[in-house]
Amino acid sequence: MVTFIILLNVKSNKVTGIAEELASIPEISEVYSVTGIYDLVAIVRTKTNDDVAELVTNRMGSIKGIKKTDTMLAFKAFSQHDLEAMFSI
């Protein structure tokens, strides 16, 4: 499993709608509205890098109101939770 953090800038009047739309995508496990230079943060877990590329360029790219994304690959998880077991199919 590969984890990505996607930082999003969106139109201010679209934050809630976009967050709800993102949260409905199966590969996106969490969406947060945040303070600072970004509006939303999405946590993405996919099987491959190609899966996240398709998600960002095709599916998220078609959502009206997203102005910009920055995608970060998580190298290592420092967590007490067994994320692999939580997200296994």
PDB file of N, CA and C in Angstrom:
ATOM      1  N   MET A   1       0.837  -1.172   0.000  1.00  0.00           N
ATOM      2  CA  MET A   1       0.000   0.000   0.000  1.00  0.00           C
ATOM      3  C   MET A   1       0.888   1.243   0.000  1.00  0.00           C
ATOM      4  N   VAL A   2       0.525   2.215  -0.815  1.00  0.00           N
ATOM      5  CA  VAL A   2       1.260   3.465  -0.943  1.00  0.00           C
ATOM      6  C   VAL A   2       0.375   4.578  -0.390  1.00  0.00           C
ATOM      7  N   THR A   3       0.955   5.452   0.440  1.00  0.00           N
ATOM      8  CA  THR A   3       0.196   6.553   1.028  1.00  0.00           C
ATOM      9  C   THR A   3       0.688   7.872   0.456  1.00  0.00           C
ATOM     10  N   PHE A   4      -0.261   8.721   0.097  1.00  0.00           N
ATOM     11  CA  PHE A   4       0.021  10.049  -0.409  1.00  0.00           C
ATOM     12  C   PHE A   4      -0.779  11.060   0.399  1.00  0.00           C
ATOM     13  N   ILE A   5      -0.214  12.241   0.554  1.00  0.00           N
ATOM     14  CA  ILE A   5      -0.911  13.362   1.154  1.00  0.00           C
ATOM     15  C   ILE A   5      -1.073  14.387   0.048  1.00  0.00           C
ATOM     16  N   ILE A   6      -2.307  14.801  -0.195  1.00  0.00           N
ATOM     17  CA  ILE A   6      -2.576  15.779  -1.244  1.00  0.00           C
ATOM     18  C   ILE A   6      -3.080  17.059  -0.586  1.00  0.00           C
ATOM     19  N   LEU A   7      -2.376  18.154  -0.857  1.00  0.00           N
ATOM     20  CA  LEU A   7      -2.737  19.473  -0.356  1.00  0.00           C
ATOM     21  C   LEU A   7      -3.465  20.200  -1.473  1.00  0.00           C
ATOM     22  N   LEU A   8      -4.611  20.787  -1.162  1.00  0.00           N
ATOM     23  CA  LEU A   8      -5.437  21.389  -2.198  1.00  0.00           C
ATOM     24  C   LEU A   8      -5.776  22.844  -1.899  1.00  0.00           C
ATOM     25  N   ASN A   9      -5.718  23.652  -2.945  1.00  0.00           N
ATOM     26  CA  ASN A   9      -6.291  24.989  -2.931  1.00  0.00           C
ATOM     27  C   ASN A   9      -7.564  24.919  -3.765  1.00  0.00           C
ATOM     28  N   VAL A  10      -8.663  25.389  -3.183  1.00  0.00           N
ATOM     29  CA  VAL A  10      -9.956  25.329  -3.869  1.00  0.00           C
ATOM     30  C   VAL A  10     -10.649  26.683  -3.764  1.00  0.00           C
ATOM     31  N   LYS A  11     -11.652  26.891  -4.590  1.00  0.00           N
ATOM     32  CA  LYS A  11     -12.457  28.114  -4.498  1.00  0.00           C
ATOM     33  C   LYS A  11     -13.122  28.142  -3.132  1.00  0.00           C
ATOM     34  N   SER A  12     -13.102  29.289  -2.489  1.00  0.00           N
ATOM     35  CA  SER A  12     -13.562  29.382  -1.098  1.00  0.00           C
ATOM     36  C   SER A  12     -15.016  28.986  -0.918  1.00  0.00           C
ATOM     37  N   ASN A  13     -15.848  29.226  -1.897  1.00  0.00           N
ATOM     38  CA  ASN A  13     -17.261  28.858  -1.749  1.00  0.00           C
ATOM     39  C   ASN A  13     -17.529  27.397  -2.103  1.00  0.00           C
ATOM     40  N   LYS A  14     -16.494  26.649  -2.411  1.00  0.00           N
ATOM     41  CA  LYS A  14     -16.637  25.238  -2.814  1.00  0.00           C
ATOM     42  C   LYS A  14     -15.987  24.264  -1.834  1.00  0.00           C
ATOM     43  N   VAL A  15     -15.425  24.747  -0.727  1.00  0.00           N
ATOM     44  CA  VAL A  15     -14.642  23.892   0.167  1.00  0.00           C
ATOM     45  C   VAL A  15     -15.450  22.681   0.633  1.00  0.00           C
ATOM     46  N   THR A  16     -16.637  22.908   1.167  1.00  0.00           N
ATOM     47  CA  THR A  16     -17.426  21.794   1.703  1.00  0.00           C
ATOM     48  C   THR A  16     -17.833  20.811   0.621  1.00  0.00           C
ATOM     49  N   GLY A  17     -18.312  21.308  -0.503  1.00  0.00           N
ATOM     50  CA  GLY A  17     -18.742  20.417  -1.587  1.00  0.00           C
ATOM     51  C   GLY A  17     -17.603  19.580  -2.138  1.00  0.00           C
ATOM     52  N   ILE A  18     -16.457  20.206  -2.328  1.00  0.00           N
ATOM     53  CA  ILE A  18     -15.294  19.476  -2.836  1.00  0.00           C
ATOM     54  C   ILE A  18     -14.819  18.458  -1.803  1.00  0.00           C
ATOM     55  N   ALA A  19     -14.797  18.843  -0.533  1.00  0.00           N
ATOM     56  CA  ALA A  19     -14.384  17.907   0.527  1.00  0.00           C
ATOM     57  C   ALA A  19     -15.290  16.684   0.541  1.00  0.00           C
ATOM     58  N   GLU A  20     -16.588  16.897   0.425  1.00  0.00           N
ATOM     59  CA  GLU A  20     -17.529  15.773   0.415  1.00  0.00           C
ATOM     60  C   GLU A  20     -17.346  14.893  -0.819  1.00  0.00           C
ATOM     61  N   GLU A  21     -17.095  15.522  -1.960  1.00  0.00           N
ATOM     62  CA  GLU A  21     -16.870  14.750  -3.181  1.00  0.00           C
ATOM     63  C   GLU A  21     -15.593  13.920  -3.083  1.00  0.00           C
ATOM     64  N   LEU A  22     -14.532  14.522  -2.549  1.00  0.00           N
ATOM     65  CA  LEU A  22     -13.280  13.787  -2.373  1.00  0.00           C
ATOM     66  C   LEU A  22     -13.457  12.630  -1.395  1.00  0.00           C
ATOM     67  N   ALA A  23     -14.171  12.876  -0.304  1.00  0.00           N
ATOM     68  CA  ALA A  23     -14.367  11.835   0.716  1.00  0.00           C
ATOM     69  C   ALA A  23     -15.148  10.640   0.177  1.00  0.00           C
ATOM     70  N   SER A  24     -15.897  10.825  -0.896  1.00  0.00           N
ATOM     71  CA  SER A  24     -16.660   9.713  -1.469  1.00  0.00           C
ATOM     72  C   SER A  24     -15.810   8.815  -2.372  1.00  0.00           C
ATOM     73  N   ILE A  25     -14.581   9.241  -2.675  1.00  0.00           N
ATOM     74  CA  ILE A  25     -13.682   8.443  -3.519  1.00  0.00           C
ATOM     75  C   ILE A  25     -13.050   7.353  -2.650  1.00  0.00           C
ATOM     76  N   PRO A  26     -13.183   6.083  -3.020  1.00  0.00           N
ATOM     77  CA  PRO A  26     -12.721   4.993  -2.151  1.00  0.00           C
ATOM     78  C   PRO A  26     -11.252   5.067  -1.736  1.00  0.00           C
ATOM     79  N   GLU A  27     -10.374   5.528  -2.610  1.00  0.00           N
ATOM     80  CA  GLU A  27      -8.947   5.571  -2.281  1.00  0.00           C
ATOM     81  C   GLU A  27      -8.596   6.696  -1.312  1.00  0.00           C
ATOM     82  N   ILE A  28      -9.493   7.639  -1.124  1.00  0.00           N
ATOM     83  CA  ILE A  28      -9.249   8.747  -0.198  1.00  0.00           C
ATOM     84  C   ILE A  28      -9.847   8.381   1.147  1.00  0.00           C
ATOM     85  N   SER A  29      -8.975   8.151   2.128  1.00  0.00           N
ATOM     86  CA  SER A  29      -9.450   7.688   3.427  1.00  0.00           C
ATOM     87  C   SER A  29      -9.874   8.821   4.342  1.00  0.00           C
ATOM     88  N   GLU A  30      -9.300  10.004   4.148  1.00  0.00           N
ATOM     89  CA  GLU A  30      -9.619  11.130   5.022  1.00  0.00           C
ATOM     90  C   GLU A  30      -9.501  12.424   4.229  1.00  0.00           C
ATOM     91  N   VAL A  31     -10.347  13.385   4.568  1.00  0.00           N
ATOM     92  CA  VAL A  31     -10.259  14.734   4.010  1.00  0.00           C
ATOM     93  C   VAL A  31     -10.432  15.700   5.169  1.00  0.00           C
ATOM     94  N   TYR A  32      -9.537  16.683   5.252  1.00  0.00           N
ATOM     95  CA  TYR A  32      -9.577  17.677   6.323  1.00  0.00           C
ATOM     96  C   TYR A  32      -9.639  19.071   5.718  1.00  0.00           C
ATOM     97  N   SER A  33     -10.473  19.931   6.283  1.00  0.00           N
ATOM     98  CA  SER A  33     -10.352  21.356   5.984  1.00  0.00           C
ATOM     99  C   SER A  33      -9.343  21.896   6.990  1.00  0.00           C
ATOM    100  N   VAL A  34      -8.456  22.762   6.522  1.00  0.00           N
ATOM    101  CA  VAL A  34      -7.333  23.190   7.354  1.00  0.00           C
ATOM    102  C   VAL A  34      -7.127  24.703   7.238  1.00  0.00           C
ATOM    103  N   THR A  35      -6.361  25.234   8.184  1.00  0.00           N
ATOM    104  CA  THR A  35      -5.955  26.623   8.117  1.00  0.00           C
ATOM    105  C   THR A  35      -4.609  26.707   7.412  1.00  0.00           C
ATOM    106  N   GLY A  36      -4.239  27.920   7.021  1.00  0.00           N
ATOM    107  CA  GLY A  36      -2.941  28.113   6.379  1.00  0.00           C
ATOM    108  C   GLY A  36      -3.080  28.333   4.896  1.00  0.00           C
ATOM    109  N   ILE A  37      -2.033  27.991   4.154  1.00  0.00           N
ATOM    110  CA  ILE A  37      -2.025  28.302   2.721  1.00  0.00           C
ATOM    111  C   ILE A  37      -2.830  27.311   1.889  1.00  0.00           C
ATOM    112  N   TYR A  38      -3.233  26.192   2.471  1.00  0.00           N
ATOM    113  CA  TYR A  38      -4.073  25.224   1.767  1.00  0.00           C
ATOM    114  C   TYR A  38      -5.461  25.228   2.385  1.00  0.00           C
ATOM    115  N   ASP A  39      -6.418  24.749   1.616  1.00  0.00           N
ATOM    116  CA  ASP A  39      -7.804  24.693   2.072  1.00  0.00           C
ATOM    117  C   ASP A  39      -8.201  23.301   2.547  1.00  0.00           C
ATOM    118  N   LEU A  40      -7.705  22.282   1.854  1.00  0.00           N
ATOM    119  CA  LEU A  40      -8.038  20.895   2.167  1.00  0.00           C
ATOM    120  C   LEU A  40      -6.788  20.034   2.136  1.00  0.00           C
ATOM    121  N   VAL A  41      -6.817  18.974   2.926  1.00  0.00           N
ATOM    122  CA  VAL A  41      -5.779  17.944   2.900  1.00  0.00           C
ATOM    123  C   VAL A  41      -6.491  16.609   2.734  1.00  0.00           C
ATOM    124  N   ALA A  42      -6.048  15.828   1.757  1.00  0.00           N
ATOM    125  CA  ALA A  42      -6.615  14.504   1.518  1.00  0.00           C
ATOM    126  C   ALA A  42      -5.538  13.449   1.740  1.00  0.00           C
ATOM    127  N   ILE A  43      -5.900  12.391   2.460  1.00  0.00           N
ATOM    128  CA  ILE A  43      -5.009  11.254   2.673  1.00  0.00           C
ATOM    129  C   ILE A  43      -5.456  10.150   1.722  1.00  0.00           C
ATOM    130  N   VAL A  44      -4.523   9.715   0.885  1.00  0.00           N
ATOM    131  CA  VAL A  44      -4.831   8.751  -0.176  1.00  0.00           C
ATOM    132  C   VAL A  44      -4.005   7.492   0.047  1.00  0.00           C
ATOM    133  N   ARG A  45      -4.664   6.357  -0.071  1.00  0.00           N
ATOM    134  CA  ARG A  45      -3.960   5.070   0.018  1.00  0.00           C
ATOM    135  C   ARG A  45      -4.329   4.249  -1.213  1.00  0.00           C
ATOM    136  N   THR A  46      -3.304   3.897  -1.989  1.00  0.00           N
ATOM    137  CA  THR A  46      -3.517   3.119  -3.213  1.00  0.00           C
ATOM    138  C   THR A  46      -2.528   1.963  -3.248  1.00  0.00           C
ATOM    139  N   LYS A  47      -2.771   1.050  -4.174  1.00  0.00           N
ATOM    140  CA  LYS A  47      -1.857  -0.079  -4.326  1.00  0.00           C
ATOM    141  C   LYS A  47      -0.581   0.317  -5.059  1.00  0.00           C
ATOM    142  N   THR A  48      -0.687   1.238  -6.019  1.00  0.00           N
ATOM    143  CA  THR A  48       0.486   1.599  -6.820  1.00  0.00           C
ATOM    144  C   THR A  48       0.561   3.115  -7.019  1.00  0.00           C
ATOM    145  N   ASN A  49       1.733   3.581  -7.418  1.00  0.00           N
ATOM    146  CA  ASN A  49       1.902   4.994  -7.779  1.00  0.00           C
ATOM    147  C   ASN A  49       1.030   5.352  -8.975  1.00  0.00           C
ATOM    148  N   ASP A  50       0.884   4.429  -9.913  1.00  0.00           N
ATOM    149  CA  ASP A  50       0.051   4.684 -11.089  1.00  0.00           C
ATOM    150  C   ASP A  50      -1.403   4.951 -10.693  1.00  0.00           C
ATOM    151  N   ASP A  51      -1.871   4.274  -9.643  1.00  0.00           N
ATOM    152  CA  ASP A  51      -3.240   4.490  -9.182  1.00  0.00           C
ATOM    153  C   ASP A  51      -3.437   5.925  -8.699  1.00  0.00           C
ATOM    154  N   VAL A  52      -2.474   6.460  -7.965  1.00  0.00           N
ATOM    155  CA  VAL A  52      -2.624   7.842  -7.488  1.00  0.00           C
ATOM    156  C   VAL A  52      -2.465   8.829  -8.636  1.00  0.00           C
ATOM    157  N   ALA A  53      -1.643   8.510  -9.609  1.00  0.00           N
ATOM    158  CA  ALA A  53      -1.505   9.382 -10.774  1.00  0.00           C
ATOM    159  C   ALA A  53      -2.841   9.499 -11.505  1.00  0.00           C
ATOM    160  N   GLU A  54      -3.526   8.395 -11.664  1.00  0.00           N
ATOM    161  CA  GLU A  54      -4.845   8.406 -12.312  1.00  0.00           C
ATOM    162  C   GLU A  54      -5.838   9.190 -11.463  1.00  0.00           C
ATOM    163  N   LEU A  55      -5.795   9.005 -10.163  1.00  0.00           N
ATOM    164  CA  LEU A  55      -6.706   9.705  -9.256  1.00  0.00           C
ATOM    165  C   LEU A  55      -6.521  11.224  -9.351  1.00  0.00           C
ATOM    166  N   VAL A  56      -5.280  11.681  -9.287  1.00  0.00           N
ATOM    167  CA  VAL A  56      -5.011  13.121  -9.283  1.00  0.00           C
ATOM    168  C   VAL A  56      -5.272  13.739 -10.647  1.00  0.00           C
ATOM    169  N   THR A  57      -4.753  13.130 -11.703  1.00  0.00           N
ATOM    170  CA  THR A  57      -4.858  13.766 -13.020  1.00  0.00           C
ATOM    171  C   THR A  57      -6.243  13.626 -13.645  1.00  0.00           C
ATOM    172  N   ASN A  58      -6.884  12.497 -13.467  1.00  0.00           N
ATOM    173  CA  ASN A  58      -8.176  12.284 -14.123  1.00  0.00           C
ATOM    174  C   ASN A  58      -9.364  12.590 -13.215  1.00  0.00           C
ATOM    175  N   ARG A  59      -9.455  11.904 -12.099  1.00  0.00           N
ATOM    176  CA  ARG A  59     -10.648  12.058 -11.266  1.00  0.00           C
ATOM    177  C   ARG A  59     -10.681  13.394 -10.536  1.00  0.00           C
ATOM    178  N   MET A  60      -9.589  13.766  -9.875  1.00  0.00           N
ATOM    179  CA  MET A  60      -9.574  15.047  -9.180  1.00  0.00           C
ATOM    180  C   MET A  60      -9.504  16.198 -10.171  1.00  0.00           C
ATOM    181  N   GLY A  61      -8.859  15.987 -11.280  1.00  0.00           N
ATOM    182  CA  GLY A  61      -8.749  17.024 -12.295  1.00  0.00           C
ATOM    183  C   GLY A  61     -10.083  17.426 -12.895  1.00  0.00           C
ATOM    184  N   SER A  62     -11.076  16.557 -12.786  1.00  0.00           N
ATOM    185  CA  SER A  62     -12.392  16.856 -13.336  1.00  0.00           C
ATOM    186  C   SER A  62     -13.317  17.533 -12.323  1.00  0.00           C
ATOM    187  N   ILE A  63     -12.865  17.703 -11.086  1.00  0.00           N
ATOM    188  CA  ILE A  63     -13.697  18.345 -10.061  1.00  0.00           C
ATOM    189  C   ILE A  63     -13.574  19.859 -10.198  1.00  0.00           C
ATOM    190  N   LYS A  64     -14.677  20.501 -10.478  1.00  0.00           N
ATOM    191  CA  LYS A  64     -14.683  21.956 -10.659  1.00  0.00           C
ATOM    192  C   LYS A  64     -14.466  22.646  -9.320  1.00  0.00           C
ATOM    193  N   GLY A  65     -13.576  23.624  -9.316  1.00  0.00           N
ATOM    194  CA  GLY A  65     -13.309  24.388  -8.101  1.00  0.00           C
ATOM    195  C   GLY A  65     -11.960  24.097  -7.485  1.00  0.00           C
ATOM    196  N   ILE A  66     -11.309  22.998  -7.887  1.00  0.00           N
ATOM    197  CA  ILE A  66      -9.952  22.735  -7.421  1.00  0.00           C
ATOM    198  C   ILE A  66      -9.014  23.607  -8.248  1.00  0.00           C
ATOM    199  N   LYS A  67      -8.293  24.487  -7.578  1.00  0.00           N
ATOM    200  CA  LYS A  67      -7.387  25.405  -8.276  1.00  0.00           C
ATOM    201  C   LYS A  67      -5.979  24.840  -8.393  1.00  0.00           C
ATOM    202  N   LYS A  68      -5.519  24.131  -7.361  1.00  0.00           N
ATOM    203  CA  LYS A  68      -4.139  23.646  -7.345  1.00  0.00           C
ATOM    204  C   LYS A  68      -4.028  22.477  -6.374  1.00  0.00           C
ATOM    205  N   THR A  69      -3.152  21.529  -6.709  1.00  0.00           N
ATOM    206  CA  THR A  69      -2.838  20.439  -5.788  1.00  0.00           C
ATOM    207  C   THR A  69      -1.327  20.297  -5.663  1.00  0.00           C
ATOM    208  N   ASP A  70      -0.891  19.895  -4.487  1.00  0.00           N
ATOM    209  CA  ASP A  70       0.493  19.473  -4.251  1.00  0.00           C
ATOM    210  C   ASP A  70       0.410  18.077  -3.655  1.00  0.00           C
ATOM    211  N   THR A  71       1.071  17.129  -4.290  1.00  0.00           N
ATOM    212  CA  THR A  71       0.997  15.734  -3.870  1.00  0.00           C
ATOM    213  C   THR A  71       2.320  15.304  -3.269  1.00  0.00           C
ATOM    214  N   MET A  72       2.240  14.720  -2.084  1.00  0.00           N
ATOM    215  CA  MET A  72       3.436  14.237  -1.386  1.00  0.00           C
ATOM    216  C   MET A  72       3.325  12.732  -1.171  1.00  0.00           C
ATOM    217  N   LEU A  73       4.396  12.022  -1.459  1.00  0.00           N
ATOM    218  CA  LEU A  73       4.491  10.586  -1.196  1.00  0.00           C
ATOM    219  C   LEU A  73       5.007  10.391   0.222  1.00  0.00           C
ATOM    220  N   ALA A  74       4.303   9.589   1.005  1.00  0.00           N
ATOM    221  CA  ALA A  74       4.754   9.276   2.352  1.00  0.00           C
ATOM    222  C   ALA A  74       5.760   8.124   2.268  1.00  0.00           C
ATOM    223  N   PHE A  75       6.962   8.348   2.800  1.00  0.00           N
ATOM    224  CA  PHE A  75       7.992   7.316   2.782  1.00  0.00           C
ATOM    225  C   PHE A  75       7.762   6.254   3.850  1.00  0.00           C
ATOM    226  N   LYS A  76       7.500   6.701   5.069  1.00  0.00           N
ATOM    227  CA  LYS A  76       7.391   5.779   6.188  1.00  0.00           C
ATOM    228  C   LYS A  76       6.357   6.302   7.161  1.00  0.00           C
ATOM    229  N   ALA A  77       5.544   5.385   7.710  1.00  0.00           N
ATOM    230  CA  ALA A  77       4.528   5.762   8.696  1.00  0.00           C
ATOM    231  C   ALA A  77       5.073   5.536  10.099  1.00  0.00           C
ATOM    232  N   PHE A  78       4.934   6.532  10.922  1.00  0.00           N
ATOM    233  CA  PHE A  78       5.295   6.432  12.329  1.00  0.00           C
ATOM    234  C   PHE A  78       3.994   6.478  13.111  1.00  0.00           C
ATOM    235  N   SER A  79       3.348   5.341  13.204  1.00  0.00           N
ATOM    236  CA  SER A  79       2.011   5.271  13.780  1.00  0.00           C
ATOM    237  C   SER A  79       1.876   4.049  14.660  1.00  0.00           C
ATOM    238  N   GLN A  80       0.998   4.166  15.641  1.00  0.00           N
ATOM    239  CA  GLN A  80       0.699   3.031  16.506  1.00  0.00           C
ATOM    240  C   GLN A  80      -0.387   2.150  15.894  1.00  0.00           C
ATOM    241  N   HIS A  81      -1.003   2.611  14.822  1.00  0.00           N
ATOM    242  CA  HIS A  81      -2.083   1.874  14.189  1.00  0.00           C
ATOM    243  C   HIS A  81      -1.545   0.941  13.118  1.00  0.00           C
ATOM    244  N   ASP A  82      -2.157  -0.203  12.985  1.00  0.00           N
ATOM    245  CA  ASP A  82      -1.795  -1.129  11.923  1.00  0.00           C
ATOM    246  C   ASP A  82      -2.591  -0.736  10.675  1.00  0.00           C
ATOM    247  N   LEU A  83      -2.056   0.247   9.934  1.00  0.00           N
ATOM    248  CA  LEU A  83      -2.768   0.790   8.789  1.00  0.00           C
ATOM    249  C   LEU A  83      -3.005  -0.253   7.702  1.00  0.00           C
ATOM    250  N   GLU A  84      -2.053  -1.127   7.510  1.00  0.00           N
ATOM    251  CA  GLU A  84      -2.200  -2.165   6.481  1.00  0.00           C
ATOM    252  C   GLU A  84      -3.397  -3.035   6.773  1.00  0.00           C
ATOM    253  N   ALA A  85      -3.595  -3.421   8.036  1.00  0.00           N
ATOM    254  CA  ALA A  85      -4.740  -4.248   8.401  1.00  0.00           C
ATOM    255  C   ALA A  85      -6.043  -3.459   8.285  1.00  0.00           C
ATOM    256  N   MET A  86      -6.009  -2.180   8.619  1.00  0.00           N
ATOM    257  CA  MET A  86      -7.220  -1.357   8.572  1.00  0.00           C
ATOM    258  C   MET A  86      -7.717  -1.173   7.144  1.00  0.00           C
ATOM    259  N   PHE A  87      -6.804  -1.136   6.180  1.00  0.00           N
ATOM    260  CA  PHE A  87      -7.197  -0.846   4.811  1.00  0.00           C
ATOM    261  C   PHE A  87      -7.065  -2.057   3.891  1.00  0.00           C
ATOM    262  N   SER A  88      -6.851  -3.224   4.433  1.00  0.00           N
ATOM    263  CA  SER A  88      -6.746  -4.405   3.577  1.00  0.00           C
ATOM    264  C   SER A  88      -8.127  -4.827   3.105  1.00  0.00           C
ATOM    265  N   ILE A  89      -8.142  -5.402   1.922  1.00  0.00           N
ATOM    266  CA  ILE A  89      -9.420  -5.821   1.324  1.00  0.00           C
ATOM    267  C   ILE A  89      -9.646  -7.283   1.574  1.00  0.00           C
TER     268      ILE A  89
END
